[in-house]
Amino acid sequence: MSYENIKYVSNGKSVRPKEVISIPVPLFKSMQGRYFVGQTEDLKVGNGMNAWAGLVNSCDSGVNLYANVFTISNFSDEYLTAEVWLNVDFSERGKVSDKVSPSNTALRPLPENRVDIRFIESTTEVPQKGINVYERIVPPKTTLVGEEDGKFIEGQNGNYTLVIKSLSSDFNKVVVAFGWYEKLKH
């Protein structure tokens, strides 16, 4: 008997099961042109210096930011610490990454992100405001992946920032990448 011929009885009536399709949120947002990916330039930590990388939602973006995933690629032989901060006062010295793209490049014109990846490649600064919500250890010669599934939602003028630290006296190379989606505010 083929699947097409299967029927069930419900309340005395013969019914066929309905097919239901489940689409993961990141795929759905990508199909809409609202999912973006990108990375920083090379960051340097160690010798008393740390680095910052964050998703920064400007005060006039008109969107809410949903942090979905981050990766930290540690190219060094040292263990690093990654602190996750919400809504820090991001230094004006931070650079905006040009390594950002919508994940759906089949759309024309290409959607433009309203949230930026900002980074400070090396600094002695530490966050003065904001909340350090958790920390992660980044082993040597690995890429740490943190899947947030969009649960960190930052409104306009908010940010989701990683502060990378090292106890080493040597400089260590790090690259941070993010995946996020944006939803227009109503």
N, C-alpha and C. Protein backbone atom coordinates (compact mmCIF):
# COMPACT_ATOMS: atom_id res chain seq x y z
N MET A 1 0.86 -1.18 0.00
CA MET A 1 0.00 0.00 0.00
C MET A 1 0.89 1.23 0.00
N SER A 2 0.64 2.13 -0.91
CA SER A 2 1.46 3.35 -0.98
C SER A 2 0.98 4.36 0.05
N TYR A 3 1.87 5.30 0.33
CA TYR A 3 1.57 6.34 1.31
C TYR A 3 0.33 7.13 0.91
N GLU A 4 0.15 7.37 -0.40
CA GLU A 4 -0.98 8.17 -0.88
C GLU A 4 -2.32 7.53 -0.54
N ASN A 5 -2.32 6.22 -0.35
CA ASN A 5 -3.58 5.52 -0.08
C ASN A 5 -3.89 5.37 1.40
N ILE A 6 -2.99 5.81 2.26
CA ILE A 6 -3.22 5.69 3.70
C ILE A 6 -4.27 6.70 4.13
N LYS A 7 -5.23 6.22 4.90
CA LYS A 7 -6.28 7.09 5.43
C LYS A 7 -6.46 6.78 6.91
N TYR A 8 -6.90 7.76 7.64
CA TYR A 8 -7.18 7.61 9.05
C TYR A 8 -8.65 7.94 9.28
N VAL A 9 -9.16 7.44 10.37
CA VAL A 9 -10.54 7.72 10.71
C VAL A 9 -10.55 8.70 11.86
N SER A 10 -11.27 9.79 11.69
CA SER A 10 -11.39 10.81 12.72
C SER A 10 -12.85 11.21 12.79
N ASN A 11 -13.45 11.06 13.97
CA ASN A 11 -14.86 11.39 14.17
C ASN A 11 -15.75 10.70 13.13
N GLY A 12 -15.42 9.46 12.82
CA GLY A 12 -16.24 8.70 11.89
C GLY A 12 -15.98 9.01 10.43
N LYS A 13 -15.08 9.95 10.12
CA LYS A 13 -14.80 10.31 8.74
C LYS A 13 -13.40 9.83 8.37
N SER A 14 -13.22 9.50 7.13
CA SER A 14 -11.93 9.08 6.61
C SER A 14 -11.15 10.33 6.18
N VAL A 15 -9.94 10.51 6.74
CA VAL A 15 -9.13 11.68 6.41
C VAL A 15 -7.69 11.24 6.11
N ARG A 16 -7.04 12.00 5.26
CA ARG A 16 -5.62 11.75 4.98
C ARG A 16 -4.79 12.65 5.89
N PRO A 17 -3.60 12.17 6.28
CA PRO A 17 -2.73 13.05 7.08
C PRO A 17 -2.26 14.22 6.24
N LYS A 18 -2.08 15.35 6.90
CA LYS A 18 -1.61 16.53 6.19
C LYS A 18 -0.10 16.63 6.32
N GLU A 19 0.52 17.03 5.23
CA GLU A 19 1.96 17.23 5.24
C GLU A 19 2.25 18.60 5.84
N VAL A 20 3.18 18.63 6.79
CA VAL A 20 3.58 19.86 7.44
C VAL A 20 5.08 20.04 7.21
N ILE A 21 5.47 21.23 6.83
CA ILE A 21 6.87 21.53 6.59
C ILE A 21 7.36 22.46 7.69
N SER A 22 8.49 22.10 8.28
CA SER A 22 9.10 22.93 9.31
C SER A 22 10.35 23.58 8.73
N ILE A 23 10.38 24.90 8.74
CA ILE A 23 11.52 25.65 8.22
C ILE A 23 12.22 26.31 9.40
N PRO A 24 13.52 26.04 9.59
CA PRO A 24 14.24 26.71 10.68
C PRO A 24 14.20 28.23 10.49
N VAL A 25 14.14 28.95 11.59
CA VAL A 25 14.04 30.41 11.54
C VAL A 25 15.16 31.05 10.71
N PRO A 26 16.45 30.65 10.90
CA PRO A 26 17.48 31.29 10.08
C PRO A 26 17.26 31.10 8.57
N LEU A 27 16.81 29.92 8.15
CA LEU A 27 16.52 29.70 6.74
C LEU A 27 15.37 30.59 6.28
N PHE A 28 14.32 30.66 7.08
CA PHE A 28 13.17 31.50 6.73
C PHE A 28 13.59 32.97 6.62
N LYS A 29 14.39 33.44 7.57
CA LYS A 29 14.85 34.84 7.52
C LYS A 29 15.76 35.06 6.31
N SER A 30 16.58 34.05 5.97
CA SER A 30 17.43 34.17 4.78
C SER A 30 16.58 34.25 3.52
N MET A 31 15.54 33.45 3.44
CA MET A 31 14.64 33.49 2.28
C MET A 31 14.01 34.87 2.14
N GLN A 32 13.75 35.53 3.26
CA GLN A 32 13.17 36.87 3.25
C GLN A 32 14.21 37.97 2.97
N GLY A 33 15.49 37.61 3.00
CA GLY A 33 16.54 38.61 2.82
C GLY A 33 16.86 39.37 4.09
N ARG A 34 16.56 38.77 5.25
CA ARG A 34 16.77 39.46 6.53
C ARG A 34 17.88 38.83 7.37
N TYR A 35 18.56 37.79 6.84
CA TYR A 35 19.65 37.12 7.57
C TYR A 35 20.97 37.56 6.97
N PHE A 36 21.93 37.89 7.85
CA PHE A 36 23.22 38.41 7.41
C PHE A 36 24.35 37.67 8.12
N VAL A 37 25.48 37.60 7.44
CA VAL A 37 26.68 36.98 7.99
C VAL A 37 27.88 37.89 7.72
N GLY A 38 28.89 37.78 8.56
CA GLY A 38 30.08 38.58 8.34
C GLY A 38 31.12 38.32 9.40
N GLN A 39 32.29 38.92 9.20
CA GLN A 39 33.39 38.72 10.13
C GLN A 39 34.22 39.98 10.29
N THR A 40 35.08 39.95 11.30
CA THR A 40 36.00 41.04 11.57
C THR A 40 37.27 40.86 10.73
N GLU A 41 38.11 41.85 10.77
CA GLU A 41 39.49 41.69 10.31
C GLU A 41 40.22 40.89 11.39
N ASP A 42 41.51 40.65 11.20
CA ASP A 42 42.31 39.98 12.22
C ASP A 42 42.35 40.84 13.48
N LEU A 43 42.12 40.19 14.63
CA LEU A 43 42.21 40.86 15.93
C LEU A 43 43.46 40.34 16.63
N LYS A 44 44.02 41.16 17.53
CA LYS A 44 45.23 40.76 18.26
C LYS A 44 44.99 40.92 19.75
N VAL A 45 45.21 39.83 20.48
CA VAL A 45 45.05 39.85 21.93
C VAL A 45 46.32 39.30 22.58
N GLY A 46 46.57 39.71 23.80
CA GLY A 46 47.75 39.28 24.54
C GLY A 46 48.59 40.48 24.91
N ASN A 47 49.59 40.23 25.78
CA ASN A 47 50.49 41.29 26.22
C ASN A 47 49.70 42.47 26.80
N GLY A 48 48.66 42.16 27.57
CA GLY A 48 47.83 43.19 28.22
C GLY A 48 46.77 43.81 27.33
N MET A 49 46.66 43.34 26.09
CA MET A 49 45.68 43.90 25.15
C MET A 49 44.54 42.90 24.94
N ASN A 50 43.34 43.42 24.74
CA ASN A 50 42.20 42.58 24.38
C ASN A 50 41.57 43.15 23.11
N ALA A 51 40.58 42.46 22.60
CA ALA A 51 39.91 42.90 21.37
C ALA A 51 38.40 42.85 21.58
N TRP A 52 37.70 43.68 20.83
CA TRP A 52 36.24 43.71 20.89
C TRP A 52 35.69 43.41 19.51
N ALA A 53 34.57 42.70 19.47
CA ALA A 53 33.83 42.48 18.22
C ALA A 53 32.36 42.41 18.59
N GLY A 54 31.52 43.14 17.85
CA GLY A 54 30.12 43.14 18.22
C GLY A 54 29.18 43.43 17.08
N LEU A 55 27.94 43.03 17.30
CA LEU A 55 26.84 43.42 16.43
C LEU A 55 26.26 44.68 17.04
N VAL A 56 26.32 45.76 16.30
CA VAL A 56 25.92 47.07 16.82
C VAL A 56 24.71 47.57 16.04
N ASN A 57 23.61 47.78 16.76
CA ASN A 57 22.36 48.26 16.18
C ASN A 57 22.27 49.76 16.44
N SER A 58 22.38 50.56 15.39
CA SER A 58 22.41 52.02 15.55
C SER A 58 21.07 52.54 16.05
N CYS A 59 21.09 53.76 16.51
CA CYS A 59 19.89 54.37 17.09
C CYS A 59 18.82 54.67 16.04
N ASP A 60 19.18 54.65 14.76
CA ASP A 60 18.21 54.96 13.71
C ASP A 60 18.03 53.81 12.71
N SER A 61 18.34 52.59 13.13
CA SER A 61 18.28 51.45 12.21
C SER A 61 16.86 51.07 11.81
N GLY A 62 15.91 51.26 12.71
CA GLY A 62 14.53 50.86 12.44
C GLY A 62 14.29 49.36 12.56
N VAL A 63 15.28 48.62 13.11
CA VAL A 63 15.14 47.16 13.25
C VAL A 63 15.51 46.71 14.65
N ASN A 64 15.04 45.52 15.00
CA ASN A 64 15.54 44.80 16.16
C ASN A 64 16.57 43.80 15.65
N LEU A 65 17.63 43.61 16.40
CA LEU A 65 18.71 42.69 16.09
C LEU A 65 18.49 41.38 16.84
N TYR A 66 18.58 40.27 16.14
CA TYR A 66 18.47 38.94 16.74
C TYR A 66 19.81 38.23 16.54
N ALA A 67 20.62 38.14 17.60
CA ALA A 67 21.93 37.48 17.50
C ALA A 67 21.69 35.98 17.40
N ASN A 68 22.14 35.37 16.29
CA ASN A 68 21.86 33.96 16.06
C ASN A 68 23.07 33.07 16.33
N VAL A 69 24.24 33.45 15.86
CA VAL A 69 25.43 32.61 16.03
C VAL A 69 26.68 33.48 16.03
N PHE A 70 27.70 33.04 16.76
CA PHE A 70 29.01 33.67 16.66
C PHE A 70 30.05 32.58 16.57
N THR A 71 31.17 32.91 15.95
CA THR A 71 32.33 32.02 15.96
C THR A 71 33.55 32.83 16.33
N ILE A 72 34.45 32.19 17.06
CA ILE A 72 35.73 32.80 17.41
C ILE A 72 36.81 31.84 16.94
N SER A 73 37.58 32.24 15.95
CA SER A 73 38.68 31.41 15.44
C SER A 73 39.96 31.85 16.12
N ASN A 74 40.53 30.95 16.92
CA ASN A 74 41.75 31.20 17.66
C ASN A 74 42.90 30.54 16.91
N PHE A 75 43.75 31.33 16.29
CA PHE A 75 44.86 30.81 15.49
C PHE A 75 46.13 30.60 16.31
N SER A 76 46.04 30.83 17.61
CA SER A 76 47.24 30.78 18.46
C SER A 76 47.37 29.43 19.16
N ASP A 77 48.46 29.31 19.92
CA ASP A 77 48.71 28.11 20.74
C ASP A 77 48.27 28.34 22.18
N GLU A 78 47.55 29.43 22.43
CA GLU A 78 47.13 29.81 23.79
C GLU A 78 45.62 29.67 23.97
N TYR A 79 45.20 29.44 25.21
CA TYR A 79 43.78 29.50 25.54
C TYR A 79 43.38 30.96 25.66
N LEU A 80 42.20 31.29 25.15
CA LEU A 80 41.67 32.64 25.24
C LEU A 80 40.37 32.62 26.01
N THR A 81 39.97 33.79 26.50
CA THR A 81 38.68 33.94 27.16
C THR A 81 37.82 34.88 26.33
N ALA A 82 36.57 34.49 26.12
CA ALA A 82 35.61 35.34 25.40
C ALA A 82 34.49 35.71 26.37
N GLU A 83 34.32 36.99 26.59
CA GLU A 83 33.23 37.49 27.43
C GLU A 83 32.11 37.99 26.53
N VAL A 84 30.89 37.59 26.81
CA VAL A 84 29.73 38.06 26.05
C VAL A 84 29.08 39.18 26.86
N TRP A 85 28.97 40.34 26.22
CA TRP A 85 28.43 41.54 26.85
C TRP A 85 27.21 42.03 26.07
N LEU A 86 26.26 42.58 26.79
CA LEU A 86 25.08 43.21 26.18
C LEU A 86 25.13 44.71 26.46
N ASN A 87 24.94 45.47 25.41
CA ASN A 87 24.76 46.92 25.48
C ASN A 87 25.91 47.67 26.15
N VAL A 88 27.14 47.37 25.71
CA VAL A 88 28.30 48.12 26.19
C VAL A 88 28.34 49.48 25.50
N ASP A 89 29.10 50.40 26.07
CA ASP A 89 29.38 51.66 25.38
C ASP A 89 30.53 51.37 24.43
N PHE A 90 30.19 51.08 23.18
CA PHE A 90 31.20 50.68 22.19
C PHE A 90 32.03 51.90 21.83
N SER A 91 33.32 51.78 21.97
CA SER A 91 34.24 52.88 21.71
C SER A 91 34.08 53.41 20.29
N GLU A 92 34.19 54.71 20.16
CA GLU A 92 34.13 55.34 18.84
C GLU A 92 35.32 54.94 17.97
N ARG A 93 36.36 54.39 18.60
CA ARG A 93 37.52 53.93 17.84
C ARG A 93 37.21 52.65 17.05
N GLY A 94 36.09 52.04 17.33
CA GLY A 94 35.74 50.80 16.65
C GLY A 94 35.57 50.99 15.15
N LYS A 95 36.02 50.01 14.38
CA LYS A 95 35.89 50.04 12.93
C LYS A 95 34.66 49.23 12.52
N VAL A 96 34.06 49.60 11.41
CA VAL A 96 32.93 48.86 10.86
C VAL A 96 33.47 47.89 9.81
N SER A 97 33.11 46.63 9.93
CA SER A 97 33.58 45.61 9.00
C SER A 97 32.89 45.76 7.65
N ASP A 98 33.68 45.59 6.58
CA ASP A 98 33.10 45.56 5.24
C ASP A 98 32.95 44.12 4.75
N LYS A 99 33.21 43.17 5.62
CA LYS A 99 33.08 41.74 5.29
C LYS A 99 31.73 41.23 5.77
N VAL A 100 30.66 41.80 5.23
CA VAL A 100 29.29 41.46 5.61
C VAL A 100 28.48 41.23 4.34
N SER A 101 27.59 40.23 4.40
CA SER A 101 26.75 39.92 3.23
C SER A 101 25.41 39.36 3.70
N PRO A 102 24.36 39.58 2.91
CA PRO A 102 23.15 38.82 3.18
C PRO A 102 23.46 37.35 2.88
N SER A 103 22.86 36.44 3.60
CA SER A 103 23.13 35.02 3.34
C SER A 103 22.41 34.56 2.07
N ASN A 104 21.37 35.27 1.67
CA ASN A 104 20.65 34.95 0.43
C ASN A 104 21.14 35.90 -0.65
N THR A 105 22.08 35.42 -1.46
CA THR A 105 22.62 36.26 -2.52
C THR A 105 21.88 36.07 -3.84
N ALA A 106 20.77 35.32 -3.82
CA ALA A 106 19.97 35.13 -5.03
C ALA A 106 19.00 36.30 -5.24
N LEU A 107 18.77 37.10 -4.20
CA LEU A 107 17.84 38.22 -4.31
C LEU A 107 18.48 39.39 -5.06
N ARG A 108 17.66 40.10 -5.83
CA ARG A 108 18.11 41.31 -6.53
C ARG A 108 17.09 42.39 -6.32
N PRO A 109 17.46 43.56 -5.89
CA PRO A 109 18.81 43.89 -5.45
C PRO A 109 19.13 43.19 -4.14
N LEU A 110 20.42 43.08 -3.82
CA LEU A 110 20.82 42.44 -2.57
C LEU A 110 20.32 43.27 -1.38
N PRO A 111 19.76 42.59 -0.38
CA PRO A 111 19.35 43.30 0.83
C PRO A 111 20.55 43.93 1.53
N GLU A 112 20.33 45.05 2.18
CA GLU A 112 21.41 45.72 2.92
C GLU A 112 21.16 45.59 4.42
N ASN A 113 22.22 45.25 5.13
CA ASN A 113 22.13 45.14 6.58
C ASN A 113 22.00 46.52 7.20
N ARG A 114 21.26 46.58 8.29
CA ARG A 114 21.14 47.83 9.05
C ARG A 114 21.95 47.75 10.34
N VAL A 115 22.28 46.52 10.75
CA VAL A 115 23.13 46.28 11.91
C VAL A 115 24.55 46.10 11.39
N ASP A 116 25.52 46.68 12.08
CA ASP A 116 26.92 46.59 11.67
C ASP A 116 27.70 45.65 12.58
N ILE A 117 28.74 45.05 12.00
CA ILE A 117 29.77 44.40 12.81
C ILE A 117 30.83 45.46 13.05
N ARG A 118 31.06 45.75 14.33
CA ARG A 118 32.11 46.70 14.70
C ARG A 118 33.17 45.95 15.49
N PHE A 119 34.40 46.41 15.39
CA PHE A 119 35.48 45.74 16.12
C PHE A 119 36.58 46.72 16.48
N ILE A 120 37.29 46.36 17.52
CA ILE A 120 38.52 47.06 17.92
C ILE A 120 39.58 45.97 17.92
N GLU A 121 40.58 46.11 17.05
CA GLU A 121 41.52 45.02 16.85
C GLU A 121 42.44 44.78 18.03
N SER A 122 42.73 45.77 18.84
CA SER A 122 43.58 45.60 20.00
C SER A 122 43.47 46.84 20.88
N THR A 123 43.20 46.65 22.17
CA THR A 123 43.01 47.79 23.06
C THR A 123 43.22 47.35 24.51
N THR A 124 43.50 48.33 25.36
CA THR A 124 43.54 48.08 26.79
C THR A 124 42.19 48.39 27.43
N GLU A 125 41.28 48.96 26.65
CA GLU A 125 39.96 49.32 27.17
C GLU A 125 39.17 48.08 27.58
N VAL A 126 38.38 48.23 28.63
CA VAL A 126 37.42 47.22 29.04
C VAL A 126 36.06 47.90 29.13
N PRO A 127 34.97 47.17 28.95
CA PRO A 127 33.65 47.80 29.00
C PRO A 127 33.40 48.49 30.33
N GLN A 128 32.86 49.70 30.27
CA GLN A 128 32.53 50.46 31.46
C GLN A 128 31.05 50.35 31.80
N LYS A 129 30.23 50.08 30.78
CA LYS A 129 28.80 49.92 30.98
C LYS A 129 28.37 48.65 30.26
N GLY A 130 27.16 48.23 30.48
CA GLY A 130 26.68 47.00 29.88
C GLY A 130 26.71 45.87 30.89
N ILE A 131 26.34 44.68 30.41
CA ILE A 131 26.25 43.53 31.29
C ILE A 131 27.03 42.37 30.69
N ASN A 132 27.97 41.81 31.45
CA ASN A 132 28.71 40.63 31.05
C ASN A 132 27.85 39.42 31.43
N VAL A 133 27.19 38.80 30.43
CA VAL A 133 26.22 37.76 30.73
C VAL A 133 26.84 36.36 30.84
N TYR A 134 27.95 36.11 30.17
CA TYR A 134 28.66 34.84 30.36
C TYR A 134 30.02 34.88 29.68
N GLU A 135 30.83 33.86 29.98
CA GLU A 135 32.17 33.75 29.41
C GLU A 135 32.36 32.36 28.82
N ARG A 136 33.27 32.27 27.84
CA ARG A 136 33.61 31.00 27.21
C ARG A 136 35.13 30.91 27.09
N ILE A 137 35.65 29.69 27.16
CA ILE A 137 37.06 29.44 26.91
C ILE A 137 37.22 29.04 25.46
N VAL A 138 38.19 29.64 24.79
CA VAL A 138 38.46 29.33 23.39
C VAL A 138 39.78 28.57 23.32
N PRO A 139 39.74 27.26 23.09
CA PRO A 139 40.98 26.47 23.04
C PRO A 139 41.88 26.88 21.88
N PRO A 140 43.17 26.54 21.99
CA PRO A 140 44.13 26.87 20.93
C PRO A 140 43.78 26.18 19.61
N LYS A 141 44.11 26.86 18.51
CA LYS A 141 43.97 26.29 17.16
C LYS A 141 42.58 25.71 16.89
N THR A 142 41.54 26.39 17.38
CA THR A 142 40.16 25.92 17.17
C THR A 142 39.24 27.10 16.84
N THR A 143 38.06 26.73 16.40
CA THR A 143 37.00 27.71 16.23
C THR A 143 35.87 27.34 17.18
N LEU A 144 35.56 28.23 18.08
CA LEU A 144 34.46 28.05 19.02
C LEU A 144 33.19 28.58 18.37
N VAL A 145 32.12 27.78 18.40
CA VAL A 145 30.84 28.20 17.83
C VAL A 145 29.84 28.34 18.96
N GLY A 146 29.19 29.49 19.02
CA GLY A 146 28.13 29.73 20.00
C GLY A 146 26.82 29.96 19.26
N GLU A 147 25.89 29.03 19.41
CA GLU A 147 24.59 29.16 18.75
C GLU A 147 23.60 29.76 19.73
N GLU A 148 23.14 30.95 19.40
CA GLU A 148 22.22 31.69 20.28
C GLU A 148 20.77 31.58 19.83
N ASP A 149 20.56 31.15 18.59
CA ASP A 149 19.21 30.92 18.05
C ASP A 149 18.30 32.15 18.11
N GLY A 150 18.88 33.34 18.06
CA GLY A 150 18.08 34.56 18.04
C GLY A 150 17.53 34.97 19.39
N LYS A 151 17.97 34.31 20.46
CA LYS A 151 17.38 34.62 21.78
C LYS A 151 17.87 35.92 22.38
N PHE A 152 19.00 36.44 21.90
CA PHE A 152 19.46 37.75 22.35
C PHE A 152 18.94 38.79 21.37
N ILE A 153 18.01 39.61 21.84
CA ILE A 153 17.34 40.60 20.99
C ILE A 153 17.74 41.98 21.47
N GLU A 154 18.34 42.74 20.56
CA GLU A 154 18.80 44.08 20.90
C GLU A 154 18.05 45.09 20.06
N GLY A 155 17.43 46.05 20.73
CA GLY A 155 16.73 47.11 20.04
C GLY A 155 17.69 48.14 19.49
N GLN A 156 17.13 49.19 18.96
CA GLN A 156 17.95 50.29 18.44
C GLN A 156 18.87 50.81 19.54
N ASN A 157 20.10 51.13 19.17
CA ASN A 157 21.12 51.63 20.08
C ASN A 157 21.63 50.55 21.04
N GLY A 158 21.37 49.29 20.74
CA GLY A 158 21.86 48.18 21.55
C GLY A 158 22.95 47.43 20.82
N ASN A 159 23.62 46.53 21.53
CA ASN A 159 24.65 45.71 20.89
C ASN A 159 24.86 44.40 21.62
N TYR A 160 25.44 43.47 20.89
CA TYR A 160 25.82 42.15 21.38
C TYR A 160 27.31 42.05 21.09
N THR A 161 28.14 42.10 22.13
CA THR A 161 29.58 42.28 21.95
C THR A 161 30.39 41.19 22.64
N LEU A 162 31.44 40.75 21.95
CA LEU A 162 32.40 39.81 22.52
C LEU A 162 33.67 40.56 22.85
N VAL A 163 34.18 40.36 24.05
CA VAL A 163 35.47 40.90 24.45
C VAL A 163 36.40 39.70 24.59
N ILE A 164 37.45 39.68 23.78
CA ILE A 164 38.38 38.55 23.75
C ILE A 164 39.63 38.93 24.53
N LYS A 165 40.05 38.04 25.45
CA LYS A 165 41.21 38.31 26.31
C LYS A 165 42.18 37.14 26.27
N SER A 166 43.45 37.45 26.58
CA SER A 166 44.49 36.44 26.67
C SER A 166 45.41 36.78 27.82
N LEU A 167 45.87 35.78 28.56
CA LEU A 167 46.86 36.00 29.62
C LEU A 167 48.29 35.89 29.09
N SER A 168 48.44 35.58 27.82
CA SER A 168 49.75 35.39 27.21
C SER A 168 50.50 36.71 27.09
N SER A 169 51.83 36.63 27.14
CA SER A 169 52.64 37.83 26.89
C SER A 169 52.87 38.02 25.39
N ASP A 170 52.47 37.03 24.59
CA ASP A 170 52.58 37.12 23.13
C ASP A 170 51.26 37.59 22.54
N PHE A 171 51.32 38.19 21.34
CA PHE A 171 50.09 38.56 20.64
C PHE A 171 49.54 37.33 19.93
N ASN A 172 48.23 37.17 19.98
CA ASN A 172 47.54 36.04 19.38
C ASN A 172 46.52 36.53 18.38
N LYS A 173 46.45 35.87 17.22
CA LYS A 173 45.52 36.26 16.15
C LYS A 173 44.16 35.58 16.37
N VAL A 174 43.10 36.39 16.23
CA VAL A 174 41.73 35.93 16.41
C VAL A 174 40.86 36.55 15.32
N VAL A 175 39.88 35.81 14.81
CA VAL A 175 38.88 36.36 13.90
C VAL A 175 37.51 35.98 14.48
N VAL A 176 36.61 36.94 14.51
CA VAL A 176 35.25 36.72 15.02
C VAL A 176 34.26 36.87 13.88
N ALA A 177 33.29 35.96 13.82
CA ALA A 177 32.23 36.03 12.80
C ALA A 177 30.88 35.96 13.49
N PHE A 178 29.87 36.52 12.82
CA PHE A 178 28.50 36.53 13.36
C PHE A 178 27.50 36.15 12.28
N GLY A 179 26.40 35.59 12.71
CA GLY A 179 25.20 35.42 11.89
C GLY A 179 24.05 36.01 12.67
N TRP A 180 23.23 36.84 12.02
CA TRP A 180 22.13 37.50 12.72
C TRP A 180 21.00 37.78 11.75
N TYR A 181 19.83 38.03 12.31
CA TYR A 181 18.74 38.51 11.47
C TYR A 181 18.15 39.77 12.06
N GLU A 182 17.48 40.49 11.19
CA GLU A 182 16.92 41.79 11.54
C GLU A 182 15.41 41.77 11.25
N LYS A 183 14.66 42.36 12.16
CA LYS A 183 13.21 42.46 11.98
C LYS A 183 12.82 43.92 12.11
N LEU A 184 12.09 44.41 11.11
CA LEU A 184 11.64 45.80 11.14
C LEU A 184 10.77 46.05 12.35
N LYS A 185 10.96 47.19 12.98
CA LYS A 185 10.11 47.57 14.11
C LYS A 185 8.81 48.15 13.56
N HIS A 186 7.74 47.89 14.23
CA HIS A 186 6.42 48.39 13.77
C HIS A 186 6.01 49.59 14.56
